[in-house]
Amino acid sequence: MTNRISYTPQDFQKMCKQAERDQETKKLVFLMERVKRQIADRSHPGPAQAAVGSDSGSIRLPIRSVPLER
């Protein structure tokens, strides 16, 4: 048989809250890195980015351009 660790309800709640904070921190760090990369890409566009950026004024078609029949 294995010994199971049983936490008190208060400790368990604290652990859950800490895990939620850790997860939110990871999400925030990921978003901040993504924004930094986007800002860097905008300030230093490469040849592929310049071609895409010039075409951004055109109208984008939806994924499904055919209306659904009911």
C-alpha atoms as a PDB file:
ATOM      1  CA  MET A   1       0.000   0.000   0.000  1.00  0.00           C
ATOM      2  CA  THR A   2       1.125   3.515  -0.669  1.00  0.00           C
ATOM      3  CA  ASN A   3       0.877   6.398   1.710  1.00  0.00           C
ATOM      4  CA  ARG A   4      -1.226   9.224   0.412  1.00  0.00           C
ATOM      5  CA  ILE A   5      -0.527  12.768   1.431  1.00  0.00           C
ATOM      6  CA  SER A   6      -3.654  14.469   2.623  1.00  0.00           C
ATOM      7  CA  TYR A   7      -3.580  18.220   2.744  1.00  0.00           C
ATOM      8  CA  THR A   8      -5.763  20.307   4.952  1.00  0.00           C
ATOM      9  CA  PRO A   9      -8.478  22.177   3.066  1.00  0.00           C
ATOM     10  CA  GLN A  10      -6.740  25.508   3.656  1.00  0.00           C
ATOM     11  CA  ASP A  11      -3.441  24.213   2.260  1.00  0.00           C
ATOM     12  CA  PHE A  12      -5.227  22.735  -0.721  1.00  0.00           C
ATOM     13  CA  GLN A  13      -6.986  26.034  -1.431  1.00  0.00           C
ATOM     14  CA  LYS A  14      -3.690  27.897  -1.146  1.00  0.00           C
ATOM     15  CA  MET A  15      -2.066  25.450  -3.553  1.00  0.00           C
ATOM     16  CA  CYS A  16      -4.924  25.867  -6.040  1.00  0.00           C
ATOM     17  CA  LYS A  17      -4.703  29.645  -5.879  1.00  0.00           C
ATOM     18  CA  GLN A  18      -0.933  29.509  -6.358  1.00  0.00           C
ATOM     19  CA  ALA A  19      -1.352  27.210  -9.360  1.00  0.00           C
ATOM     20  CA  GLU A  20      -3.883  29.630 -10.866  1.00  0.00           C
ATOM     21  CA  ARG A  21      -1.482  32.541 -10.339  1.00  0.00           C
ATOM     22  CA  ASP A  22       1.353  30.561 -11.921  1.00  0.00           C
ATOM     23  CA  GLN A  23      -0.812  29.747 -14.932  1.00  0.00           C
ATOM     24  CA  GLU A  24      -1.876  33.372 -15.326  1.00  0.00           C
ATOM     25  CA  THR A  25       1.758  34.464 -15.048  1.00  0.00           C
ATOM     26  CA  LYS A  26       2.765  32.042 -17.801  1.00  0.00           C
ATOM     27  CA  LYS A  27      -0.027  33.350 -20.031  1.00  0.00           C
ATOM     28  CA  LEU A  28       0.990  36.936 -19.365  1.00  0.00           C
ATOM     29  CA  VAL A  29       4.656  36.261 -20.129  1.00  0.00           C
ATOM     30  CA  PHE A  30       3.678  34.491 -23.361  1.00  0.00           C
ATOM     31  CA  LEU A  31       1.471  37.400 -24.457  1.00  0.00           C
ATOM     32  CA  MET A  32       4.159  39.945 -23.610  1.00  0.00           C
ATOM     33  CA  GLU A  33       6.725  38.032 -25.681  1.00  0.00           C
ATOM     34  CA  ARG A  34       4.296  37.809 -28.594  1.00  0.00           C
ATOM     35  CA  VAL A  35       3.613  41.556 -28.463  1.00  0.00           C
ATOM     36  CA  LYS A  36       7.350  42.281 -28.332  1.00  0.00           C
ATOM     37  CA  ARG A  37       7.898  40.122 -31.425  1.00  0.00           C
ATOM     38  CA  GLN A  38       5.044  41.860 -33.258  1.00  0.00           C
ATOM     39  CA  ILE A  39       6.447  45.282 -32.421  1.00  0.00           C
ATOM     40  CA  ALA A  40       9.906  44.186 -33.562  1.00  0.00           C
ATOM     41  CA  ASP A  41       8.466  42.804 -36.816  1.00  0.00           C
ATOM     42  CA  ARG A  42       6.642  46.060 -37.491  1.00  0.00           C
ATOM     43  CA  SER A  43       9.684  48.202 -36.866  1.00  0.00           C
ATOM     44  CA  HIS A  44      11.972  45.961 -38.973  1.00  0.00           C
ATOM     45  CA  PRO A  45       9.833  44.334 -41.674  1.00  0.00           C
ATOM     46  CA  GLY A  46      11.556  41.679 -43.737  1.00  0.00           C
ATOM     47  CA  PRO A  47      10.963  41.214 -47.487  1.00  0.00           C
ATOM     48  CA  ALA A  48       8.114  38.763 -46.887  1.00  0.00           C
ATOM     49  CA  GLN A  49       6.500  41.051 -44.304  1.00  0.00           C
ATOM     50  CA  ALA A  50       6.664  44.038 -46.650  1.00  0.00           C
ATOM     51  CA  ALA A  51       4.787  42.128 -49.369  1.00  0.00           C
ATOM     52  CA  VAL A  52       2.085  41.017 -46.958  1.00  0.00           C
ATOM     53  CA  GLY A  53       1.799  44.480 -45.407  1.00  0.00           C
ATOM     54  CA  SER A  54       1.198  46.180 -48.755  1.00  0.00           C
ATOM     55  CA  ASP A  55      -1.648  43.785 -49.536  1.00  0.00           C
ATOM     56  CA  SER A  56      -3.397  44.325 -46.200  1.00  0.00           C
ATOM     57  CA  GLY A  57      -5.642  47.045 -47.684  1.00  0.00           C
ATOM     58  CA  SER A  58      -7.484  44.576 -49.915  1.00  0.00           C
ATOM     59  CA  ILE A  59     -10.796  43.043 -48.901  1.00  0.00           C
ATOM     60  CA  ARG A  60     -10.506  39.666 -47.214  1.00  0.00           C
ATOM     61  CA  LEU A  61     -13.064  37.063 -48.168  1.00  0.00           C
ATOM     62  CA  PRO A  62     -14.586  34.935 -45.448  1.00  0.00           C
ATOM     63  CA  ILE A  63     -13.523  31.317 -45.211  1.00  0.00           C
ATOM     64  CA  ARG A  64     -16.899  30.174 -46.489  1.00  0.00           C
ATOM     65  CA  SER A  65     -17.898  32.497 -49.281  1.00  0.00           C
ATOM     66  CA  VAL A  66     -20.941  30.411 -50.304  1.00  0.00           C
ATOM     67  CA  PRO A  67     -24.009  31.054 -48.154  1.00  0.00           C
ATOM     68  CA  LEU A  68     -25.321  27.983 -46.399  1.00  0.00           C
ATOM     69  CA  GLU A  69     -28.623  26.584 -47.632  1.00  0.00           C
ATOM     70  CA  ARG A  70     -31.269  25.713 -45.088  1.00  0.00           C
END
